[in-house]
Amino acid sequence: MIPVTSFAGKTVAVFGLGGSGLASCHALKAGGAEVIAADDNAENVAKAAQAGFVTADLRNVSWGNFAALVLAPGVPLTHPVPHWSVLKAREAGVEVIGDIELFCRERRRHAPNAPFIAITGTNGKSTTTALIAHLTKVAGYDTQMGGNIGTAILSLEPPGTGRVHVIEMSSYQIDLTPSLDPSVGILLNVSEDHIDRHGTIEHYAAVKERLVACVQAGGTSIVGVDDGYCRDIADRLDRAGKNVVRISVRNPLASGIHVEHGTIVRTSGGARSEIAKLGGIGSLRGLHNAQNAACAAAAALAMGISLDVLQNGLRSFPGLAHRMEQVGRRGNVLFVNDSKGTNADATAHALSSFADIFWIAGGKPKAGGITSLTSFFPRIRKAYLIGEAAQEFSGTLGTVAHEISQTLDVAVEHAARDAEASGLTDAVVLLSPACASFDQYRNFEIRGTKFRELVQALPGVKPVV
């Protein structure tokens, strides 16, 4: 845990008592603050009370004694309307901040030069965060990984010499971190997302921009420039005098890092050098993972990690569970769990990564269905449709071979049988549903775990090495 000493002797309100909220309560208390905990959910309030915290309805207390409101990132700050607790804080002149802001203040007070790598972007944040954490571990750092990827930042060990914090940040978390100052900031990409919480794509992009605009003096801003918003952001950072490293997987760069034919290449002042090779690394298959790997490589170079260590780290990266996870192989058939592919855009990355696909898709459908995936249909040897979306997807697939399997266990059995019988050299049974899981599973993790268990129970399936 990271004790928050910056509010010692003061009273702090914490609203939103999920994982990060309760961690904030413990960290503030450990640092000497008095905590008043609150939530709209009575069960969460009860849990905080059981943990020994004073709880209250913040509508019925005086805000005059509060030094700050620590807000959980899931609570609306600006759009569609500010949460009532935010309005109360503003009326009282109380600052509204998040748990990563508390971390930044502690780092600045106690270990301002401790490495702090922050990662954001519309897509690829979690994989890039996990990959950078893996690279820094391989390089010998005491690596603390958390933030939006799962572990609340204040539950990690404090900043210090030889220890690096690798932190995934959502736009919500950036919004609540006015003192954000990573030593390395990474912005992967920007596309339309979370507009309900930011109002416009322009505001959303501006929030993302803050992460790379606020790197500390001497730090590095790494920006993927394969979309227009990020290209403009990189140009603005250049004009502001920041140390900017541009990343592209679509076009060669005169200065920066790009990927060509499976090789990460660095260019500068007319000089060109090869950084690392991605060929044969199953956990980093696909153009989207090439971008993740290139950004991670740039971060590793900014940390002074050698090229040999970088290459070894890339090759040994196991990938993330439920994200293009290779869960088994039987003969020439590879089984891939991409349960995190909960919409068509995410599934497009998976479909683009293989040539002969036995595709398991379906679940609770989202707007637009799979109509945007038609360019990938020639790669699909047969589709196996499950859940509520089965009939809709059947209509969209048209003449593409498919069956309505209804359930995941039937789909896995039939896809494995057909893939093996096909005789194809590189057949892939791919779960990438292009749907939410909620019709049959509580979340995508449970769905992906079920797929993994079904595959590994098949006769003759072996782990991928």
Protein backbone atom coordinates (compact mmCIF):
# COMPACT_ATOMS: atom_id res chain seq x y z
CA MET A 1 0.00 0.00 0.00
CA ILE A 2 1.05 3.61 -0.61
CA PRO A 3 0.25 5.74 2.46
CA VAL A 4 -1.08 9.13 1.35
CA THR A 5 0.73 11.62 3.56
CA SER A 6 -0.24 14.73 1.59
CA PHE A 7 -3.55 14.94 3.49
CA ALA A 8 -2.23 14.09 6.96
CA GLY A 9 -4.31 15.80 9.64
CA LYS A 10 -7.02 16.74 7.15
CA THR A 11 -10.49 15.37 6.38
CA VAL A 12 -11.11 13.84 2.95
CA ALA A 13 -14.38 12.65 1.46
CA VAL A 14 -14.20 9.53 -0.70
CA PHE A 15 -17.13 8.81 -3.00
CA GLY A 16 -17.38 5.49 -4.83
CA LEU A 17 -16.36 2.57 -2.66
CA GLY A 18 -15.45 -0.12 -5.16
CA GLY A 19 -11.91 -1.48 -5.38
CA SER A 20 -10.06 1.79 -5.99
CA GLY A 21 -12.32 3.73 -3.60
CA LEU A 22 -11.70 1.40 -0.66
CA ALA A 23 -7.98 1.35 -1.48
CA SER A 24 -8.03 5.17 -1.35
CA CYS A 25 -9.70 5.05 2.05
CA HIS A 26 -7.03 2.72 3.44
CA ALA A 27 -4.16 4.73 1.92
CA LEU A 28 -5.49 8.05 3.21
CA LYS A 29 -6.03 6.63 6.70
CA ALA A 30 -2.53 5.11 6.70
CA GLY A 31 -1.12 8.54 5.83
CA GLY A 32 -2.87 10.27 8.71
CA ALA A 33 -6.04 11.64 7.11
CA GLU A 34 -9.56 11.36 8.47
CA VAL A 35 -11.77 9.67 5.88
CA ILE A 36 -15.51 10.08 5.33
CA ALA A 37 -16.65 7.33 2.96
CA ALA A 38 -19.79 7.45 0.79
CA ASP A 39 -21.49 5.69 -2.09
CA ASP A 40 -24.92 5.58 -3.72
CA ASN A 41 -24.81 1.79 -3.23
CA ALA A 42 -25.79 0.76 0.32
CA GLU A 43 -23.85 -2.51 0.09
CA ASN A 44 -20.63 -0.64 -0.68
CA VAL A 45 -21.25 1.70 2.25
CA ALA A 46 -21.76 -1.29 4.53
CA LYS A 47 -18.47 -2.84 3.37
CA ALA A 48 -16.62 0.41 4.13
CA ALA A 49 -18.20 0.57 7.57
CA GLN A 50 -17.18 -3.03 8.24
CA ALA A 51 -13.63 -2.05 7.26
CA GLY A 52 -13.69 0.56 10.03
CA PHE A 53 -14.34 3.76 8.09
CA VAL A 54 -16.72 6.53 9.04
CA THR A 55 -19.53 6.63 6.48
CA ALA A 56 -22.04 9.36 5.77
CA ASP A 57 -24.56 10.66 3.26
CA LEU A 58 -22.57 13.55 1.79
CA ARG A 59 -25.81 15.38 1.06
CA ASN A 60 -26.30 15.90 4.78
CA VAL A 61 -22.87 16.95 6.00
CA SER A 62 -20.96 20.20 6.10
CA TRP A 63 -18.37 20.40 3.34
CA GLY A 64 -16.46 23.16 5.07
CA ASN A 65 -13.98 20.75 6.68
CA PHE A 66 -13.22 18.66 3.58
CA ALA A 67 -9.79 19.18 2.05
CA ALA A 68 -10.72 17.17 -1.05
CA LEU A 69 -13.26 14.85 -2.64
CA VAL A 70 -11.63 11.69 -3.95
CA LEU A 71 -13.97 10.45 -6.68
CA ALA A 72 -14.05 6.96 -8.17
CA PRO A 73 -13.46 7.05 -11.95
CA GLY A 74 -16.83 5.44 -12.69
CA VAL A 75 -18.68 8.45 -11.22
CA PRO A 76 -19.53 11.17 -13.81
CA LEU A 77 -17.35 14.26 -13.46
CA THR A 78 -18.71 16.36 -16.33
CA HIS A 79 -21.05 14.43 -18.66
CA PRO A 80 -23.86 13.68 -19.15
CA VAL A 81 -24.18 15.77 -15.98
CA PRO A 82 -21.82 16.03 -13.01
CA HIS A 83 -22.67 13.69 -10.16
CA TRP A 84 -24.36 15.40 -7.22
CA SER A 85 -21.25 14.91 -5.06
CA VAL A 86 -19.20 16.81 -7.64
CA LEU A 87 -21.70 19.68 -7.56
CA LYS A 88 -21.54 19.73 -3.76
CA ALA A 89 -17.75 19.87 -3.87
CA ARG A 90 -17.73 22.68 -6.41
CA GLU A 91 -20.22 24.70 -4.38
CA ALA A 92 -17.93 24.39 -1.36
CA GLY A 93 -14.73 25.09 -3.28
CA VAL A 94 -13.40 21.59 -2.59
CA GLU A 95 -11.06 20.05 -5.16
CA VAL A 96 -12.24 16.88 -6.91
CA ILE A 97 -9.46 14.37 -7.59
CA GLY A 98 -8.88 10.65 -8.09
CA ASP A 99 -6.64 7.96 -6.65
CA ILE A 100 -3.93 8.40 -9.29
CA GLU A 101 -3.71 12.06 -8.31
CA LEU A 102 -2.98 10.91 -4.75
CA PHE A 103 -0.21 8.68 -6.13
CA CYS A 104 1.28 11.56 -8.15
CA ARG A 105 1.42 13.79 -5.09
CA GLU A 106 3.12 11.10 -3.02
CA ARG A 107 5.64 10.41 -5.77
CA ARG A 108 6.44 14.11 -6.07
CA ARG A 109 6.94 14.40 -2.30
CA HIS A 110 9.01 11.29 -1.70
CA ALA A 111 10.54 9.94 -4.94
CA PRO A 112 10.10 12.43 -7.83
CA ASN A 113 12.63 10.64 -10.03
CA ALA A 114 11.16 7.15 -9.61
CA PRO A 115 10.12 5.81 -13.03
CA PHE A 116 6.41 6.22 -13.75
CA ILE A 117 5.07 5.00 -17.10
CA ALA A 118 1.46 5.92 -17.89
CA ILE A 119 -0.46 4.43 -20.81
CA THR A 120 -3.74 5.49 -22.42
CA GLY A 121 -5.57 5.14 -25.73
CA THR A 122 -8.93 4.01 -27.01
CA ASN A 123 -7.68 0.51 -27.84
CA GLY A 124 -4.72 -1.59 -26.74
CA LYS A 125 -4.12 -0.03 -23.31
CA SER A 126 -4.18 -3.24 -21.31
CA THR A 127 -1.96 -5.26 -23.64
CA THR A 128 0.58 -2.44 -23.89
CA THR A 129 0.58 -1.94 -20.13
CA ALA A 130 1.09 -5.66 -19.47
CA LEU A 131 3.80 -5.86 -22.12
CA ILE A 132 5.74 -2.90 -20.70
CA ALA A 133 5.45 -4.38 -17.22
CA HIS A 134 6.78 -7.67 -18.57
CA LEU A 135 9.71 -5.91 -20.29
CA THR A 136 10.67 -3.98 -17.16
CA LYS A 137 10.53 -7.17 -15.08
CA VAL A 138 12.78 -8.94 -17.58
CA ALA A 139 15.12 -5.94 -17.33
CA GLY A 140 15.36 -6.42 -13.55
CA TYR A 141 13.08 -3.68 -12.26
CA ASP A 142 10.77 -4.11 -9.28
CA THR A 143 7.68 -3.58 -11.41
CA GLN A 144 4.38 -2.38 -10.00
CA MET A 145 1.50 -2.65 -12.51
CA GLY A 146 -1.99 -1.30 -11.92
CA GLY A 147 -4.52 1.43 -12.52
CA ASN A 148 -7.26 0.72 -15.02
CA ILE A 149 -5.82 -2.74 -15.72
CA GLY A 150 -7.08 -4.09 -12.41
CA THR A 151 -5.05 -3.35 -9.29
CA ALA A 152 -5.82 -0.01 -7.65
CA ILE A 153 -2.71 2.15 -7.80
CA LEU A 154 -2.68 2.86 -4.06
CA SER A 155 -2.62 -0.89 -3.36
CA LEU A 156 0.82 -1.09 -5.00
CA GLU A 157 4.17 -0.52 -3.31
CA PRO A 158 5.35 3.11 -2.96
CA PRO A 159 7.60 4.75 -5.57
CA GLY A 160 11.30 4.29 -4.95
CA THR A 161 14.73 3.62 -6.40
CA GLY A 162 14.80 0.61 -8.73
CA ARG A 163 11.01 0.38 -8.78
CA VAL A 164 8.88 1.33 -11.79
CA HIS A 165 5.14 1.95 -11.79
CA VAL A 166 3.44 0.94 -15.05
CA ILE A 167 -0.06 2.36 -14.93
CA GLU A 168 -2.94 2.03 -17.38
CA MET A 169 -5.17 5.12 -17.36
CA SER A 170 -8.67 5.57 -18.73
CA SER A 171 -9.90 8.98 -19.80
CA TYR A 172 -11.94 9.09 -16.59
CA GLN A 173 -8.81 8.67 -14.50
CA ILE A 174 -6.89 11.30 -16.47
CA ASP A 175 -9.76 13.73 -15.85
CA LEU A 176 -9.28 13.26 -12.11
CA THR A 177 -5.47 13.68 -12.13
CA PRO A 178 -4.61 17.38 -12.51
CA SER A 179 -0.98 16.86 -11.40
CA LEU A 180 -0.32 13.94 -13.76
CA ASP A 181 3.41 13.91 -14.54
CA PRO A 182 4.71 10.54 -15.75
CA SER A 183 8.33 10.11 -16.74
CA VAL A 184 7.08 8.26 -19.83
CA GLY A 185 3.61 8.93 -21.24
CA ILE A 186 2.06 6.81 -24.00
CA LEU A 187 -0.97 7.65 -26.15
CA LEU A 188 -1.71 4.72 -28.44
CA ASN A 189 -4.65 5.98 -30.49
CA VAL A 190 -7.89 7.94 -30.35
CA SER A 191 -11.21 6.89 -31.87
CA GLU A 192 -14.79 7.59 -30.87
CA ASP A 193 -15.54 6.14 -27.44
CA HIS A 194 -17.10 7.18 -24.12
CA ILE A 195 -18.74 10.19 -25.72
CA ASP A 196 -21.53 9.89 -23.15
CA ARG A 197 -18.95 10.80 -20.49
CA HIS A 198 -17.07 13.47 -22.43
CA GLY A 199 -19.69 15.15 -24.60
CA THR A 200 -17.70 15.27 -27.85
CA ILE A 201 -14.87 13.36 -29.50
CA GLU A 202 -12.83 16.58 -29.35
CA HIS A 203 -13.14 16.77 -25.56
CA TYR A 204 -12.37 13.07 -25.25
CA ALA A 205 -9.21 13.53 -27.37
CA ALA A 206 -8.20 16.57 -25.33
CA VAL A 207 -8.43 14.55 -22.12
CA LYS A 208 -6.27 11.82 -23.63
CA GLU A 209 -3.76 14.44 -24.80
CA ARG A 210 -3.13 15.58 -21.24
CA LEU A 211 -1.35 12.33 -20.40
CA VAL A 212 1.41 12.91 -22.96
CA ALA A 213 1.41 16.71 -22.64
CA CYS A 214 2.17 16.57 -18.91
CA VAL A 215 5.25 14.33 -18.84
CA GLN A 216 7.80 15.67 -16.39
CA ALA A 217 10.87 17.62 -17.50
CA GLY A 218 13.27 15.32 -19.30
CA GLY A 219 10.55 12.73 -19.85
CA THR A 220 9.33 11.10 -23.05
CA SER A 221 5.97 11.42 -24.82
CA ILE A 222 5.18 8.43 -27.05
CA VAL A 223 2.32 8.93 -29.52
CA GLY A 224 0.84 6.56 -32.08
CA VAL A 225 0.26 8.69 -35.17
CA ASP A 226 -1.91 6.41 -37.30
CA ASP A 227 -5.04 8.49 -36.63
CA GLY A 228 -5.65 12.18 -37.24
CA TYR A 229 -6.30 13.16 -33.63
CA CYS A 230 -2.99 11.71 -32.49
CA ARG A 231 -1.03 13.18 -35.40
CA ASP A 232 -2.29 16.62 -34.39
CA ILE A 233 -1.46 15.92 -30.75
CA ALA A 234 2.11 14.90 -31.64
CA ASP A 235 2.55 18.09 -33.66
CA ARG A 236 1.33 20.22 -30.75
CA LEU A 237 3.71 18.48 -28.35
CA ASP A 238 6.58 19.13 -30.77
CA ARG A 239 5.73 22.83 -30.88
CA ALA A 240 5.62 22.85 -27.08
CA GLY A 241 9.16 21.51 -26.93
CA LYS A 242 8.34 18.03 -25.62
CA ASN A 243 10.51 15.01 -26.39
CA VAL A 244 8.08 13.22 -28.73
CA VAL A 245 8.53 9.74 -30.16
CA ARG A 246 6.06 9.05 -32.97
CA ILE A 247 4.89 5.49 -33.60
CA SER A 248 3.36 4.07 -36.78
CA VAL A 249 2.47 0.61 -38.04
CA ARG A 250 1.02 1.91 -41.31
CA ASN A 251 3.66 4.26 -42.72
CA PRO A 252 7.45 4.69 -42.53
CA LEU A 253 8.51 7.66 -40.40
CA ALA A 254 11.38 10.03 -41.09
CA SER A 255 11.87 10.29 -37.34
CA GLY A 256 10.36 7.90 -34.82
CA ILE A 257 9.59 4.20 -34.58
CA HIS A 258 7.61 2.23 -37.14
CA VAL A 259 6.98 -1.38 -38.08
CA GLU A 260 7.84 -2.80 -41.48
CA HIS A 261 7.50 -6.46 -42.44
CA GLY A 262 7.37 -7.58 -38.82
CA THR A 263 10.41 -5.58 -37.70
CA ILE A 264 10.36 -2.60 -35.32
CA VAL A 265 12.54 0.10 -36.86
CA ARG A 266 13.87 3.36 -35.39
CA THR A 267 14.71 6.31 -37.65
CA SER A 268 16.36 9.61 -36.83
CA GLY A 269 18.18 12.18 -38.93
CA GLY A 270 18.34 9.87 -41.93
CA ALA A 271 19.72 6.97 -39.88
CA ARG A 272 17.80 3.70 -39.64
CA SER A 273 18.25 0.86 -37.14
CA GLU A 274 16.34 -2.32 -36.41
CA ILE A 275 15.08 -2.53 -32.83
CA ALA A 276 13.34 -5.91 -32.57
CA LYS A 277 11.55 -8.57 -34.61
CA LEU A 278 7.92 -9.59 -34.04
CA GLY A 279 7.77 -12.56 -36.41
CA GLY A 280 6.65 -15.77 -34.76
CA ILE A 281 5.48 -14.16 -31.51
CA GLY A 282 1.96 -15.53 -31.23
CA SER A 283 0.94 -13.27 -28.33
CA LEU A 284 1.71 -10.21 -30.49
CA ARG A 285 0.05 -11.33 -33.72
CA GLY A 286 -1.79 -8.72 -35.80
CA LEU A 287 -1.36 -5.08 -36.77
CA HIS A 288 -2.95 -3.83 -33.56
CA ASN A 289 -0.44 -5.78 -31.48
CA ALA A 290 2.39 -4.48 -33.65
CA GLN A 291 1.39 -0.99 -32.53
CA ASN A 292 1.24 -2.12 -28.91
CA ALA A 293 4.70 -3.71 -29.24
CA ALA A 294 6.21 -0.66 -30.97
CA CYS A 295 4.93 1.66 -28.23
CA ALA A 296 6.21 -0.72 -25.56
CA ALA A 297 9.58 -0.87 -27.30
CA ALA A 298 9.75 2.93 -27.30
CA ALA A 299 9.03 2.94 -23.58
CA ALA A 300 11.72 0.33 -22.97
CA LEU A 301 14.25 2.40 -24.91
CA ALA A 302 13.28 5.48 -22.91
CA MET A 303 14.03 3.44 -19.78
CA GLY A 304 17.45 2.51 -21.12
CA ILE A 305 16.62 -1.18 -21.62
CA SER A 306 19.03 -2.89 -24.01
CA LEU A 307 17.97 -4.29 -27.38
CA ASP A 308 18.79 -7.86 -26.32
CA VAL A 309 16.62 -7.63 -23.23
CA LEU A 310 13.87 -6.00 -25.30
CA GLN A 311 13.87 -8.81 -27.86
CA ASN A 312 13.91 -11.50 -25.18
CA GLY A 313 11.07 -9.75 -23.37
CA LEU A 314 8.92 -9.54 -26.47
CA ARG A 315 9.45 -13.21 -27.25
CA SER A 316 8.60 -14.34 -23.72
CA PHE A 317 5.48 -12.18 -23.35
CA PRO A 318 2.59 -14.56 -22.62
CA GLY A 319 -0.15 -12.11 -23.61
CA LEU A 320 -3.26 -11.26 -21.65
CA ALA A 321 -5.97 -13.69 -20.76
CA HIS A 322 -8.98 -13.44 -23.11
CA ARG A 323 -7.13 -11.20 -25.59
CA MET A 324 -5.86 -13.26 -28.52
CA GLU A 325 -4.87 -15.87 -25.94
CA GLN A 326 -3.52 -19.10 -27.43
CA VAL A 327 -5.14 -21.70 -25.20
CA GLY A 328 -4.21 -24.94 -26.97
CA ARG A 329 -3.24 -26.75 -30.12
CA ARG A 330 -4.30 -30.09 -31.60
CA GLY A 331 -2.34 -31.11 -34.66
CA ASN A 332 -2.60 -28.23 -37.14
CA VAL A 333 -5.46 -26.56 -35.26
CA LEU A 334 -4.75 -23.57 -33.00
CA PHE A 335 -7.40 -22.50 -30.45
CA VAL A 336 -7.52 -18.78 -29.66
CA ASN A 337 -9.53 -17.13 -26.88
CA ASP A 338 -10.40 -13.54 -27.77
CA SER A 339 -13.41 -13.25 -25.46
CA LYS A 340 -12.49 -9.58 -24.94
CA GLY A 341 -13.61 -9.01 -28.53
CA THR A 342 -16.96 -7.63 -27.39
CA ASN A 343 -17.68 -5.46 -30.44
CA ALA A 344 -17.07 -5.57 -34.17
CA ASP A 345 -14.05 -3.24 -34.07
CA ALA A 346 -12.28 -5.45 -31.55
CA THR A 347 -13.16 -8.62 -33.46
CA ALA A 348 -11.80 -7.07 -36.67
CA HIS A 349 -8.31 -7.16 -35.13
CA ALA A 350 -8.67 -10.87 -34.45
CA LEU A 351 -10.11 -11.76 -37.86
CA SER A 352 -7.35 -9.82 -39.59
CA SER A 353 -4.71 -11.94 -37.85
CA PHE A 354 -5.58 -15.33 -39.37
CA ALA A 355 -6.32 -16.75 -42.82
CA ASP A 356 -8.35 -19.93 -42.13
CA ILE A 357 -10.81 -19.28 -39.33
CA PHE A 358 -13.45 -21.42 -37.68
CA TRP A 359 -15.16 -18.54 -35.94
CA ILE A 360 -17.26 -18.71 -32.77
CA ALA A 361 -19.33 -15.53 -32.49
CA GLY A 362 -22.44 -14.23 -30.80
CA GLY A 363 -23.86 -13.26 -27.45
CA LYS A 364 -25.71 -10.10 -26.53
CA PRO A 365 -25.58 -8.03 -29.75
CA LYS A 366 -24.42 -4.44 -30.02
CA ALA A 367 -25.51 -1.73 -32.43
CA GLY A 368 -24.34 -2.40 -35.97
CA GLY A 369 -23.83 -6.10 -35.43
CA ILE A 370 -21.11 -7.54 -37.67
CA THR A 371 -21.89 -5.66 -40.89
CA SER A 372 -18.54 -3.86 -40.67
CA LEU A 373 -16.70 -7.20 -40.80
CA THR A 374 -17.75 -8.27 -44.30
CA SER A 375 -14.26 -7.68 -45.73
CA PHE A 376 -13.01 -10.46 -43.43
CA PHE A 377 -15.67 -13.00 -44.42
CA PRO A 378 -13.39 -14.66 -47.06
CA ARG A 379 -11.13 -15.73 -44.17
CA ILE A 380 -13.97 -17.55 -42.42
CA ARG A 381 -14.19 -21.23 -43.30
CA LYS A 382 -17.23 -21.65 -41.07
CA ALA A 383 -18.92 -19.69 -38.28
CA TYR A 384 -20.57 -21.11 -35.15
CA LEU A 385 -23.18 -18.75 -33.75
CA ILE A 386 -24.25 -18.60 -30.11
CA GLY A 387 -26.56 -16.57 -27.91
CA GLU A 388 -29.09 -13.87 -28.69
CA ALA A 389 -27.22 -12.60 -31.76
CA ALA A 390 -27.23 -15.95 -33.58
CA GLN A 391 -30.15 -15.25 -35.94
CA GLU A 392 -29.03 -11.69 -36.69
CA PHE A 393 -25.46 -12.80 -37.43
CA SER A 394 -26.77 -15.65 -39.59
CA GLY A 395 -28.56 -13.13 -41.78
CA THR A 396 -25.44 -10.97 -42.10
CA LEU A 397 -23.17 -13.91 -42.94
CA GLY A 398 -25.44 -14.93 -45.82
CA THR A 399 -23.60 -17.46 -47.97
CA VAL A 400 -20.65 -17.83 -45.57
CA ALA A 401 -20.79 -21.36 -44.16
CA HIS A 402 -22.26 -21.26 -40.67
CA GLU A 403 -24.41 -23.03 -38.14
CA ILE A 404 -26.44 -21.87 -35.18
CA SER A 405 -24.78 -23.71 -32.30
CA GLN A 406 -26.65 -21.74 -29.59
CA THR A 407 -24.22 -22.64 -26.79
CA LEU A 408 -20.46 -22.37 -26.41
CA ASP A 409 -19.90 -26.03 -25.62
CA VAL A 410 -21.62 -27.13 -28.84
CA ALA A 411 -19.73 -24.47 -30.83
CA VAL A 412 -16.34 -25.59 -29.50
CA GLU A 413 -17.06 -29.26 -30.19
CA HIS A 414 -18.23 -28.64 -33.74
CA ALA A 415 -15.55 -26.07 -34.61
CA ALA A 416 -12.78 -28.36 -33.36
CA ARG A 417 -14.19 -31.27 -35.38
CA ASP A 418 -14.53 -29.25 -38.58
CA ALA A 419 -11.15 -27.53 -38.26
CA GLU A 420 -9.39 -30.86 -37.87
CA ALA A 421 -11.29 -32.42 -40.75
CA SER A 422 -10.47 -29.49 -43.05
CA GLY A 423 -6.86 -30.57 -43.48
CA LEU A 424 -5.78 -26.91 -43.49
CA THR A 425 -2.20 -26.32 -42.41
CA ASP A 426 -2.98 -23.37 -40.12
CA ALA A 427 -6.61 -23.78 -39.09
CA VAL A 428 -7.69 -21.57 -36.19
CA VAL A 429 -10.69 -22.02 -33.91
CA LEU A 430 -11.30 -18.45 -32.80
CA LEU A 431 -13.64 -17.24 -30.09
CA SER A 432 -14.07 -13.53 -30.79
CA PRO A 433 -17.77 -12.93 -30.20
CA ALA A 434 -18.28 -9.33 -31.44
CA CYS A 435 -20.88 -9.23 -28.67
CA ALA A 436 -21.27 -8.67 -24.97
CA SER A 437 -21.46 -11.78 -22.81
CA PHE A 438 -24.43 -10.84 -20.65
CA ASP A 439 -27.03 -13.08 -22.27
CA GLN A 440 -25.20 -16.25 -21.19
CA TYR A 441 -22.26 -15.17 -18.98
CA ARG A 442 -21.81 -12.54 -16.29
CA ASN A 443 -18.74 -11.08 -18.02
CA PHE A 444 -16.26 -11.77 -20.81
CA GLU A 445 -13.72 -13.27 -18.37
CA ILE A 446 -16.14 -16.04 -17.37
CA ARG A 447 -16.99 -16.67 -21.03
CA GLY A 448 -13.30 -16.86 -21.97
CA THR A 449 -12.48 -19.12 -19.04
CA LYS A 450 -15.27 -21.48 -20.10
CA PHE A 451 -13.88 -21.56 -23.65
CA ARG A 452 -10.41 -22.35 -22.33
CA GLU A 453 -11.75 -25.18 -20.17
CA LEU A 454 -13.74 -26.65 -23.04
CA VAL A 455 -10.75 -26.56 -25.37
CA GLN A 456 -8.34 -28.05 -22.88
CA ALA A 457 -10.81 -30.87 -22.18
CA LEU A 458 -10.74 -31.94 -25.84
CA PRO A 459 -8.76 -35.16 -26.47
CA GLY A 460 -5.25 -34.50 -27.74
CA VAL A 461 -5.12 -30.75 -27.06
CA LYS A 462 -1.70 -29.58 -25.87
CA PRO A 463 -0.49 -26.23 -24.46
CA VAL A 464 1.00 -23.75 -26.90
CA VAL A 465 4.72 -23.33 -26.34
